[in-house]
Amino acid sequence: GRHFVYRISLAWDASARDPTLTRIGVFAQPALDADRTTFVAAADSF
């Protein structure tokens, strides 16, 4: 619905990027308050 609405930001690991692949960008992450951020480090299994 209209409550859980989020905008996506993607952060790419630049060290793994081939300089010739210019179509893939490295985006800056938005400034976040660590105390008010949910970090999901453990992936769910299929």
All heavy atoms as atom14 arrays in JSON, in Angstrom:
{
  "sequence": "GRHFVYRISLAWDASARDPTLTRIGVFAQPALDADRTTFVAAADSF",
  "atom14_mask": [
    [1, 1, 1, 1, 0, 0, 0, 0, 0, 0, 0, 0, 0, 0],
    [1, 1, 1, 1, 1, 1, 1, 1, 1, 1, 1, 0, 0, 0],
    [1, 1, 1, 1, 1, 1, 1, 1, 1, 1, 0, 0, 0, 0],
    [1, 1, 1, 1, 1, 1, 1, 1, 1, 1, 1, 0, 0, 0],
    [1, 1, 1, 1, 1, 1, 1, 0, 0, 0, 0, 0, 0, 0],
    [1, 1, 1, 1, 1, 1, 1, 1, 1, 1, 1, 1, 0, 0],
    [1, 1, 1, 1, 1, 1, 1, 1, 1, 1, 1, 0, 0, 0],
    [1, 1, 1, 1, 1, 1, 1, 1, 0, 0, 0, 0, 0, 0],
    [1, 1, 1, 1, 1, 1, 0, 0, 0, 0, 0, 0, 0, 0],
    [1, 1, 1, 1, 1, 1, 1, 1, 0, 0, 0, 0, 0, 0],
    [1, 1, 1, 1, 1, 0, 0, 0, 0, 0, 0, 0, 0, 0],
    [1, 1, 1, 1, 1, 1, 1, 1, 1, 1, 1, 1, 1, 1],
    [1, 1, 1, 1, 1, 1, 1, 1, 0, 0, 0, 0, 0, 0],
    [1, 1, 1, 1, 1, 0, 0, 0, 0, 0, 0, 0, 0, 0],
    [1, 1, 1, 1, 1, 1, 0, 0, 0, 0, 0, 0, 0, 0],
    [1, 1, 1, 1, 1, 0, 0, 0, 0, 0, 0, 0, 0, 0],
    [1, 1, 1, 1, 1, 1, 1, 1, 1, 1, 1, 0, 0, 0],
    [1, 1, 1, 1, 1, 1, 1, 1, 0, 0, 0, 0, 0, 0],
    [1, 1, 1, 1, 1, 1, 1, 0, 0, 0, 0, 0, 0, 0],
    [1, 1, 1, 1, 1, 1, 1, 0, 0, 0, 0, 0, 0, 0],
    [1, 1, 1, 1, 1, 1, 1, 1, 0, 0, 0, 0, 0, 0],
    [1, 1, 1, 1, 1, 1, 1, 0, 0, 0, 0, 0, 0, 0],
    [1, 1, 1, 1, 1, 1, 1, 1, 1, 1, 1, 0, 0, 0],
    [1, 1, 1, 1, 1, 1, 1, 1, 0, 0, 0, 0, 0, 0],
    [1, 1, 1, 1, 0, 0, 0, 0, 0, 0, 0, 0, 0, 0],
    [1, 1, 1, 1, 1, 1, 1, 0, 0, 0, 0, 0, 0, 0],
    [1, 1, 1, 1, 1, 1, 1, 1, 1, 1, 1, 0, 0, 0],
    [1, 1, 1, 1, 1, 0, 0, 0, 0, 0, 0, 0, 0, 0],
    [1, 1, 1, 1, 1, 1, 1, 1, 1, 0, 0, 0, 0, 0],
    [1, 1, 1, 1, 1, 1, 1, 0, 0, 0, 0, 0, 0, 0],
    [1, 1, 1, 1, 1, 0, 0, 0, 0, 0, 0, 0, 0, 0],
    [1, 1, 1, 1, 1, 1, 1, 1, 0, 0, 0, 0, 0, 0],
    [1, 1, 1, 1, 1, 1, 1, 1, 0, 0, 0, 0, 0, 0],
    [1, 1, 1, 1, 1, 0, 0, 0, 0, 0, 0, 0, 0, 0],
    [1, 1, 1, 1, 1, 1, 1, 1, 0, 0, 0, 0, 0, 0],
    [1, 1, 1, 1, 1, 1, 1, 1, 1, 1, 1, 0, 0, 0],
    [1, 1, 1, 1, 1, 1, 1, 0, 0, 0, 0, 0, 0, 0],
    [1, 1, 1, 1, 1, 1, 1, 0, 0, 0, 0, 0, 0, 0],
    [1, 1, 1, 1, 1, 1, 1, 1, 1, 1, 1, 0, 0, 0],
    [1, 1, 1, 1, 1, 1, 1, 0, 0, 0, 0, 0, 0, 0],
    [1, 1, 1, 1, 1, 0, 0, 0, 0, 0, 0, 0, 0, 0],
    [1, 1, 1, 1, 1, 0, 0, 0, 0, 0, 0, 0, 0, 0],
    [1, 1, 1, 1, 1, 0, 0, 0, 0, 0, 0, 0, 0, 0],
    [1, 1, 1, 1, 1, 1, 1, 1, 0, 0, 0, 0, 0, 0],
    [1, 1, 1, 1, 1, 1, 0, 0, 0, 0, 0, 0, 0, 0],
    [1, 1, 1, 1, 1, 1, 1, 1, 1, 1, 1, 0, 0, 0]
  ],
  "atom14_positions": [
    [[0.81, -1.22, 0.0], [0.0, 0.0, 0.0], [0.83, 1.26, 0.0], [1.86, 1.34, -0.67], [0.0, 0.0, 0.0], [0.0, 0.0, 0.0], [0.0, 0.0, 0.0], [0.0, 0.0, 0.0], [0.0, 0.0, 0.0], [0.0, 0.0, 0.0], [0.0, 0.0, 0.0], [0.0, 0.0, 0.0], [0.0, 0.0, 0.0], [0.0, 0.0, 0.0]],
    [[0.41, 2.23, 0.81], [1.0, 3.57, 0.75], [1.88, 3.91, 1.95], [2.34, 5.05, 2.07], [-0.12, 4.61, 0.62], [-1.03, 4.38, -0.58], [-2.15, 5.41, -0.64], [-3.03, 5.16, -1.79], [-4.09, 4.37, -1.76], [-4.4, 3.74, -0.62], [-4.84, 4.18, -2.82], [0.0, 0.0, 0.0], [0.0, 0.0, 0.0], [0.0, 0.0, 0.0]],
    [[2.07, 2.96, 2.86], [2.84, 3.27, 4.07], [4.3, 2.85, 3.94], [5.19, 3.69, 4.14], [2.21, 2.58, 5.29], [2.88, 2.92, 6.57], [2.78, 4.17, 7.16], [3.68, 2.18, 7.4], [3.48, 4.18, 8.3], [4.04, 2.99, 8.46], [0.0, 0.0, 0.0], [0.0, 0.0, 0.0], [0.0, 0.0, 0.0], [0.0, 0.0, 0.0]],
    [[4.55, 1.6, 3.6], [5.92, 1.1, 3.48], [6.42, 1.4, 2.06], [6.4, 0.55, 1.17], [5.98, -0.4, 3.78], [5.7, -0.73, 5.22], [4.46, -1.23, 5.61], [6.66, -0.49, 6.2], [4.2, -1.52, 6.93], [6.41, -0.77, 7.54], [5.17, -1.29, 7.91], [0.0, 0.0, 0.0], [0.0, 0.0, 0.0], [0.0, 0.0, 0.0]],
    [[6.85, 2.63, 1.88], [7.29, 3.14, 0.58], [8.74, 3.6, 0.7], [9.07, 4.39, 1.59], [6.4, 4.3, 0.09], [6.85, 4.76, -1.29], [4.93, 3.87, 0.07], [0.0, 0.0, 0.0], [0.0, 0.0, 0.0], [0.0, 0.0, 0.0], [0.0, 0.0, 0.0], [0.0, 0.0, 0.0], [0.0, 0.0, 0.0], [0.0, 0.0, 0.0]],
    [[9.61, 3.11, -0.17], [11.04, 3.38, -0.08], [11.61, 3.72, -1.46], [11.16, 3.19, -2.47], [11.79, 2.15, 0.46], [11.29, 1.64, 1.79], [10.24, 0.73, 1.85], [11.89, 2.04, 2.98], [9.79, 0.23, 3.07], [11.45, 1.55, 4.21], [10.4, 0.66, 4.24], [9.95, 0.17, 5.45], [0.0, 0.0, 0.0], [0.0, 0.0, 0.0]],
    [[12.65, 4.56, -1.43], [13.42, 4.84, -2.65], [14.73, 4.07, -2.57], [15.38, 4.02, -1.52], [13.67, 6.33, -2.83], [14.35, 6.67, -4.18], [14.4, 8.17, -4.4], [13.06, 8.74, -4.55], [12.39, 8.78, -5.68], [12.93, 8.29, -6.78], [11.19, 9.32, -5.73], [0.0, 0.0, 0.0], [0.0, 0.0, 0.0], [0.0, 0.0, 0.0]],
    [[15.13, 3.47, -3.69], [16.31, 2.6, -3.73], [17.57, 3.39, -4.03], [17.6, 4.24, -4.92], [16.13, 1.52, -4.81], [15.0, 0.58, -4.44], [17.41, 0.74, -5.04], [14.71, -0.46, -5.5], [0.0, 0.0, 0.0], [0.0, 0.0, 0.0], [0.0, 0.0, 0.0], [0.0, 0.0, 0.0], [0.0, 0.0, 0.0], [0.0, 0.0, 0.0]],
    [[18.62, 3.08, -3.28], [19.98, 3.55, -3.59], [20.88, 2.32, -3.66], [20.84, 1.47, -2.77], [20.51, 4.51, -2.52], [19.73, 5.68, -2.46], [0.0, 0.0, 0.0], [0.0, 0.0, 0.0], [0.0, 0.0, 0.0], [0.0, 0.0, 0.0], [0.0, 0.0, 0.0], [0.0, 0.0, 0.0], [0.0, 0.0, 0.0], [0.0, 0.0, 0.0]],
    [[21.67, 2.21, -4.72], [22.54, 1.07, -4.91], [23.99, 1.5, -4.76], [24.41, 2.5, -5.35], [22.33, 0.46, -6.31], [20.9, 0.01, -6.64], [20.84, -0.48, -8.08], [20.43, -1.06, -5.68], [0.0, 0.0, 0.0], [0.0, 0.0, 0.0], [0.0, 0.0, 0.0], [0.0, 0.0, 0.0], [0.0, 0.0, 0.0], [0.0, 0.0, 0.0]],
    [[24.76, 0.76, -3.98], [26.19, 1.03, -3.82], [26.96, -0.13, -4.43], [26.79, -1.28, -4.03], [26.53, 1.19, -2.34], [0.0, 0.0, 0.0], [0.0, 0.0, 0.0], [0.0, 0.0, 0.0], [0.0, 0.0, 0.0], [0.0, 0.0, 0.0], [0.0, 0.0, 0.0], [0.0, 0.0, 0.0], [0.0, 0.0, 0.0], [0.0, 0.0, 0.0]],
    [[27.8, 0.2, -5.41], [28.57, -0.82, -6.11], [30.02, -0.8, -5.63], [30.57, 0.25, -5.31], [28.53, -0.58, -7.61], [27.15, -0.59, -8.17], [26.3, 0.47, -8.29], [26.44, -1.72, -8.67], [25.1, 0.07, -8.83], [25.16, -1.27, -9.09], [26.76, -3.07, -8.82], [24.2, -2.12, -9.63], [25.81, -3.92, -9.38], [24.54, -3.45, -9.77]],
    [[30.63, -1.96, -5.58], [32.02, -2.1, -5.17], [32.9, -1.71, -6.36], [33.07, -2.48, -7.31], [32.29, -3.54, -4.75], [33.7, -3.74, -4.22], [34.5, -2.79, -4.3], [34.0, -4.84, -3.75], [0.0, 0.0, 0.0], [0.0, 0.0, 0.0], [0.0, 0.0, 0.0], [0.0, 0.0, 0.0], [0.0, 0.0, 0.0], [0.0, 0.0, 0.0]],
    [[33.47, -0.51, -6.29], [34.25, 0.0, -7.42], [35.51, -0.8, -7.65], [36.01, -0.88, -8.78], [34.61, 1.46, -7.17], [0.0, 0.0, 0.0], [0.0, 0.0, 0.0], [0.0, 0.0, 0.0], [0.0, 0.0, 0.0], [0.0, 0.0, 0.0], [0.0, 0.0, 0.0], [0.0, 0.0, 0.0], [0.0, 0.0, 0.0], [0.0, 0.0, 0.0]],
    [[36.06, -1.45, -6.62], [37.31, -2.19, -6.77], [37.15, -3.38, -7.69], [38.12, -3.88, -8.24], [37.8, -2.66, -5.4], [36.89, -3.58, -4.83], [0.0, 0.0, 0.0], [0.0, 0.0, 0.0], [0.0, 0.0, 0.0], [0.0, 0.0, 0.0], [0.0, 0.0, 0.0], [0.0, 0.0, 0.0], [0.0, 0.0, 0.0], [0.0, 0.0, 0.0]],
    [[35.9, -3.85, -7.87], [35.67, -5.01, -8.73], [35.26, -4.62, -10.14], [34.93, -5.46, -10.95], [34.58, -5.9, -8.12], [0.0, 0.0, 0.0], [0.0, 0.0, 0.0], [0.0, 0.0, 0.0], [0.0, 0.0, 0.0], [0.0, 0.0, 0.0], [0.0, 0.0, 0.0], [0.0, 0.0, 0.0], [0.0, 0.0, 0.0], [0.0, 0.0, 0.0]],
    [[35.32, -3.34, -10.42], [34.81, -2.87, -11.71], [35.91, -2.76, -12.75], [37.01, -2.28, -12.49], [34.14, -1.5, -11.52], [33.47, -0.99, -12.79], [32.82, 0.35, -12.57], [33.76, 1.35, -12.1], [33.48, 2.65, -12.07], [32.31, 3.07, -12.44], [34.38, 3.51, -11.64], [0.0, 0.0, 0.0], [0.0, 0.0, 0.0], [0.0, 0.0, 0.0]],
    [[35.62, -3.2, -13.94], [36.5, -3.02, -15.08], [36.34, -1.58, -15.57], [35.22, -1.14, -15.84], [36.1, -4.01, -16.18], [37.04, -3.97, -17.38], [37.69, -2.92, -17.6], [37.11, -4.98, -18.09], [0.0, 0.0, 0.0], [0.0, 0.0, 0.0], [0.0, 0.0, 0.0], [0.0, 0.0, 0.0], [0.0, 0.0, 0.0], [0.0, 0.0, 0.0]],
    [[37.43, -0.79, -15.69], [37.31, 0.61, -16.11], [36.61, 0.78, -17.45], [36.08, 1.84, -17.74], [38.77, 1.08, -16.19], [39.52, 0.14, -15.3], [38.82, -1.18, -15.41], [0.0, 0.0, 0.0], [0.0, 0.0, 0.0], [0.0, 0.0, 0.0], [0.0, 0.0, 0.0], [0.0, 0.0, 0.0], [0.0, 0.0, 0.0], [0.0, 0.0, 0.0]],
    [[36.6, -0.28, -18.27], [35.95, -0.15, -19.57], [34.43, -0.26, -19.48], [33.73, 0.05, -20.44], [36.46, -1.23, -20.54], [36.11, -2.53, -20.02], [37.97, -1.15, -20.67], [0.0, 0.0, 0.0], [0.0, 0.0, 0.0], [0.0, 0.0, 0.0], [0.0, 0.0, 0.0], [0.0, 0.0, 0.0], [0.0, 0.0, 0.0], [0.0, 0.0, 0.0]],
    [[33.92, -0.73, -18.31], [32.47, -0.89, -18.17], [31.86, 0.4, -17.62], [31.53, 0.52, -16.45], [32.16, -2.07, -17.24], [32.61, -3.44, -17.74], [32.27, -4.52, -16.72], [31.99, -3.78, -19.08], [0.0, 0.0, 0.0], [0.0, 0.0, 0.0], [0.0, 0.0, 0.0], [0.0, 0.0, 0.0], [0.0, 0.0, 0.0], [0.0, 0.0, 0.0]],
    [[31.74, 1.37, -18.48], [31.26, 2.68, -18.04], [29.76, 2.72, -17.8], [29.26, 3.68, -17.23], [31.61, 3.74, -19.1], [31.05, 3.35, -20.36], [33.11, 3.86, -19.26], [0.0, 0.0, 0.0], [0.0, 0.0, 0.0], [0.0, 0.0, 0.0], [0.0, 0.0, 0.0], [0.0, 0.0, 0.0], [0.0, 0.0, 0.0], [0.0, 0.0, 0.0]],
    [[29.05, 1.68, -18.22], [27.6, 1.72, -18.06], [27.19, 1.46, -16.62], [26.04, 1.69, -16.25], [26.94, 0.67, -18.96], [27.31, -0.76, -18.62], [26.7, -1.75, -19.59], [27.08, -3.11, -19.31], [26.46, -3.89, -18.44], [25.46, -3.41, -17.74], [26.86, -5.13, -18.26], [0.0, 0.0, 0.0], [0.0, 0.0, 0.0], [0.0, 0.0, 0.0]],
    [[28.09, 0.95, -15.8], [27.76, 0.67, -14.41], [28.32, 1.78, -13.54], [29.51, 2.04, -13.53], [28.33, -0.69, -13.95], [27.75, -1.81, -14.82], [28.02, -0.94, -12.49], [28.26, -3.18, -14.46], [0.0, 0.0, 0.0], [0.0, 0.0, 0.0], [0.0, 0.0, 0.0], [0.0, 0.0, 0.0], [0.0, 0.0, 0.0], [0.0, 0.0, 0.0]],
    [[27.47, 2.45, -12.81], [27.91, 3.57, -11.98], [28.13, 3.16, -10.55], [27.68, 2.12, -10.09], [0.0, 0.0, 0.0], [0.0, 0.0, 0.0], [0.0, 0.0, 0.0], [0.0, 0.0, 0.0], [0.0, 0.0, 0.0], [0.0, 0.0, 0.0], [0.0, 0.0, 0.0], [0.0, 0.0, 0.0], [0.0, 0.0, 0.0], [0.0, 0.0, 0.0]],
    [[28.83, 3.98, -9.8], [29.02, 3.8, -8.37], [28.29, 4.95, -7.69], [28.66, 6.11, -7.85], [30.51, 3.8, -7.98], [30.66, 3.62, -6.49], [31.25, 2.7, -8.72], [0.0, 0.0, 0.0], [0.0, 0.0, 0.0], [0.0, 0.0, 0.0], [0.0, 0.0, 0.0], [0.0, 0.0, 0.0], [0.0, 0.0, 0.0], [0.0, 0.0, 0.0]],
    [[27.24, 4.63, -6.95], [26.37, 5.64, -6.39], [26.72, 5.89, -4.92], [27.0, 4.97, -4.17], [24.9, 5.21, -6.5], [24.49, 4.92, -7.91], [24.41, 3.62, -8.37], [24.19, 5.95, -8.78], [24.03, 3.35, -9.67], [23.81, 5.68, -10.08], [23.72, 4.38, -10.53], [0.0, 0.0, 0.0], [0.0, 0.0, 0.0], [0.0, 0.0, 0.0]],
    [[26.68, 7.14, -4.54], [26.96, 7.5, -3.16], [25.75, 7.14, -2.29], [24.61, 7.4, -2.66], [27.24, 8.99, -3.05], [0.0, 0.0, 0.0], [0.0, 0.0, 0.0], [0.0, 0.0, 0.0], [0.0, 0.0, 0.0], [0.0, 0.0, 0.0], [0.0, 0.0, 0.0], [0.0, 0.0, 0.0], [0.0, 0.0, 0.0], [0.0, 0.0, 0.0]],
    [[26.0, 6.52, -1.15], [24.93, 6.19, -0.25], [24.43, 7.45, 0.46], [25.2, 8.36, 0.77], [25.42, 5.19, 0.81], [25.7, 3.81, 0.24], [24.42, 3.08, -0.09], [23.78, 3.4, -1.08], [24.06, 2.11, 0.71], [0.0, 0.0, 0.0], [0.0, 0.0, 0.0], [0.0, 0.0, 0.0], [0.0, 0.0, 0.0], [0.0, 0.0, 0.0]],
    [[23.13, 7.54, 0.73], [22.62, 8.7, 1.47], [23.14, 8.69, 2.9], [23.47, 7.64, 3.45], [21.1, 8.48, 1.43], [20.94, 7.0, 1.24], [22.09, 6.58, 0.39], [0.0, 0.0, 0.0], [0.0, 0.0, 0.0], [0.0, 0.0, 0.0], [0.0, 0.0, 0.0], [0.0, 0.0, 0.0], [0.0, 0.0, 0.0], [0.0, 0.0, 0.0]],
    [[23.26, 9.87, 3.48], [23.69, 9.97, 4.87], [22.62, 9.37, 5.76], [21.44, 9.74, 5.69], [23.93, 11.43, 5.23], [0.0, 0.0, 0.0], [0.0, 0.0, 0.0], [0.0, 0.0, 0.0], [0.0, 0.0, 0.0], [0.0, 0.0, 0.0], [0.0, 0.0, 0.0], [0.0, 0.0, 0.0], [0.0, 0.0, 0.0], [0.0, 0.0, 0.0]],
    [[23.01, 8.42, 6.61], [22.05, 7.71, 7.45], [22.45, 7.81, 8.9], [23.64, 7.8, 9.24], [21.97, 6.24, 7.05], [21.5, 5.93, 5.62], [21.62, 4.43, 5.36], [20.08, 6.41, 5.39], [0.0, 0.0, 0.0], [0.0, 0.0, 0.0], [0.0, 0.0, 0.0], [0.0, 0.0, 0.0], [0.0, 0.0, 0.0], [0.0, 0.0, 0.0]],
    [[21.46, 7.9, 9.77], [21.67, 7.85, 11.21], [21.72, 6.37, 11.59], [20.72, 5.65, 11.49], [20.53, 8.57, 11.92], [20.71, 8.57, 13.44], [21.61, 7.86, 13.94], [19.94, 9.27, 14.12], [0.0, 0.0, 0.0], [0.0, 0.0, 0.0], [0.0, 0.0, 0.0], [0.0, 0.0, 0.0], [0.0, 0.0, 0.0], [0.0, 0.0, 0.0]],
    [[22.89, 5.9, 12.02], [23.06, 4.48, 12.33], [22.11, 4.0, 13.41], [21.72, 2.83, 13.43], [24.51, 4.2, 12.74], [0.0, 0.0, 0.0], [0.0, 0.0, 0.0], [0.0, 0.0, 0.0], [0.0, 0.0, 0.0], [0.0, 0.0, 0.0], [0.0, 0.0, 0.0], [0.0, 0.0, 0.0], [0.0, 0.0, 0.0], [0.0, 0.0, 0.0]],
    [[21.72, 4.89, 14.31], [20.8, 4.5, 15.38], [19.37, 4.35, 14.88], [18.53, 3.79, 15.58], [20.85, 5.52, 16.52], [22.2, 5.53, 17.23], [22.86, 4.47, 17.22], [22.58, 6.58, 17.78], [0.0, 0.0, 0.0], [0.0, 0.0, 0.0], [0.0, 0.0, 0.0], [0.0, 0.0, 0.0], [0.0, 0.0, 0.0], [0.0, 0.0, 0.0]],
    [[19.08, 4.89, 13.71], [17.73, 4.81, 13.16], [17.74, 4.12, 11.8], [16.98, 4.48, 10.9], [17.11, 6.2, 13.06], [16.66, 6.78, 14.39], [15.9, 8.08, 14.2], [14.88, 7.98, 13.16], [13.68, 7.43, 13.32], [13.36, 6.89, 14.5], [12.81, 7.39, 12.33], [0.0, 0.0, 0.0], [0.0, 0.0, 0.0], [0.0, 0.0, 0.0]],
    [[18.63, 3.14, 11.65], [18.74, 2.4, 10.41], [18.72, 0.9, 10.71], [19.36, 0.45, 11.65], [20.04, 2.75, 9.66], [20.06, 4.15, 9.4], [20.14, 1.99, 8.35], [0.0, 0.0, 0.0], [0.0, 0.0, 0.0], [0.0, 0.0, 0.0], [0.0, 0.0, 0.0], [0.0, 0.0, 0.0], [0.0, 0.0, 0.0], [0.0, 0.0, 0.0]],
    [[17.96, 0.17, 9.93], [17.92, -1.28, 10.06], [18.93, -1.88, 9.09], [18.77, -1.76, 7.87], [16.51, -1.82, 9.75], [15.58, -1.22, 10.65], [16.47, -3.33, 9.91], [0.0, 0.0, 0.0], [0.0, 0.0, 0.0], [0.0, 0.0, 0.0], [0.0, 0.0, 0.0], [0.0, 0.0, 0.0], [0.0, 0.0, 0.0], [0.0, 0.0, 0.0]],
    [[19.97, -2.52, 9.62], [20.98, -3.15, 8.78], [20.67, -4.65, 8.68], [20.57, -5.33, 9.7], [22.38, -2.95, 9.37], [22.84, -1.52, 9.33], [22.61, -0.67, 10.4], [23.48, -1.02, 8.21], [23.02, 0.65, 10.36], [23.9, 0.31, 8.16], [23.67, 1.15, 9.24], [0.0, 0.0, 0.0], [0.0, 0.0, 0.0], [0.0, 0.0, 0.0]],
    [[20.5, -5.13, 7.46], [20.19, -6.53, 7.23], [21.43, -7.19, 6.66], [21.72, -7.08, 5.48], [19.0, -6.68, 6.25], [18.65, -8.15, 6.07], [17.79, -5.9, 6.77], [0.0, 0.0, 0.0], [0.0, 0.0, 0.0], [0.0, 0.0, 0.0], [0.0, 0.0, 0.0], [0.0, 0.0, 0.0], [0.0, 0.0, 0.0], [0.0, 0.0, 0.0]],
    [[22.19, -7.85, 7.52], [23.44, -8.45, 7.1], [23.3, -9.94, 6.84], [24.12, -10.53, 6.14], [24.53, -8.21, 8.15], [0.0, 0.0, 0.0], [0.0, 0.0, 0.0], [0.0, 0.0, 0.0], [0.0, 0.0, 0.0], [0.0, 0.0, 0.0], [0.0, 0.0, 0.0], [0.0, 0.0, 0.0], [0.0, 0.0, 0.0], [0.0, 0.0, 0.0]],
    [[22.28, -10.59, 7.41], [22.09, -12.02, 7.24], [20.99, -12.25, 6.21], [19.85, -11.87, 6.42], [21.73, -12.67, 8.57], [0.0, 0.0, 0.0], [0.0, 0.0, 0.0], [0.0, 0.0, 0.0], [0.0, 0.0, 0.0], [0.0, 0.0, 0.0], [0.0, 0.0, 0.0], [0.0, 0.0, 0.0], [0.0, 0.0, 0.0], [0.0, 0.0, 0.0]],
    [[21.35, -12.88, 5.1], [20.38, -13.09, 4.04], [19.42, -14.23, 4.39], [19.78, -15.16, 5.09], [21.1, -13.42, 2.73], [0.0, 0.0, 0.0], [0.0, 0.0, 0.0], [0.0, 0.0, 0.0], [0.0, 0.0, 0.0], [0.0, 0.0, 0.0], [0.0, 0.0, 0.0], [0.0, 0.0, 0.0], [0.0, 0.0, 0.0], [0.0, 0.0, 0.0]],
    [[18.2, -14.1, 3.92], [17.27, -15.22, 3.99], [17.7, -16.26, 2.95], [18.33, -15.95, 1.96], [15.85, -14.77, 3.71], [15.18, -14.14, 4.92], [14.9, -14.88, 5.87], [14.97, -12.93, 4.91], [0.0, 0.0, 0.0], [0.0, 0.0, 0.0], [0.0, 0.0, 0.0], [0.0, 0.0, 0.0], [0.0, 0.0, 0.0], [0.0, 0.0, 0.0]],
    [[17.34, -17.5, 3.22], [17.63, -18.58, 2.29], [16.46, -18.74, 1.33], [15.31, -18.52, 1.69], [17.85, -19.87, 3.09], [17.68, -21.0, 2.29], [0.0, 0.0, 0.0], [0.0, 0.0, 0.0], [0.0, 0.0, 0.0], [0.0, 0.0, 0.0], [0.0, 0.0, 0.0], [0.0, 0.0, 0.0], [0.0, 0.0, 0.0], [0.0, 0.0, 0.0]],
    [[16.75, -19.13, 0.07], [15.66, -19.46, -0.84], [14.81, -20.58, -0.24], [13.59, -20.63, -0.46], [16.22, -19.92, -2.19], [16.67, -18.8, -3.08], [17.91, -18.83, -3.69], [15.83, -17.72, -3.34], [18.32, -17.8, -4.53], [16.23, -16.69, -4.17], [17.48, -16.73, -4.77], [0.0, 0.0, 0.0], [0.0, 0.0, 0.0], [0.0, 0.0, 0.0]]
  ]
}
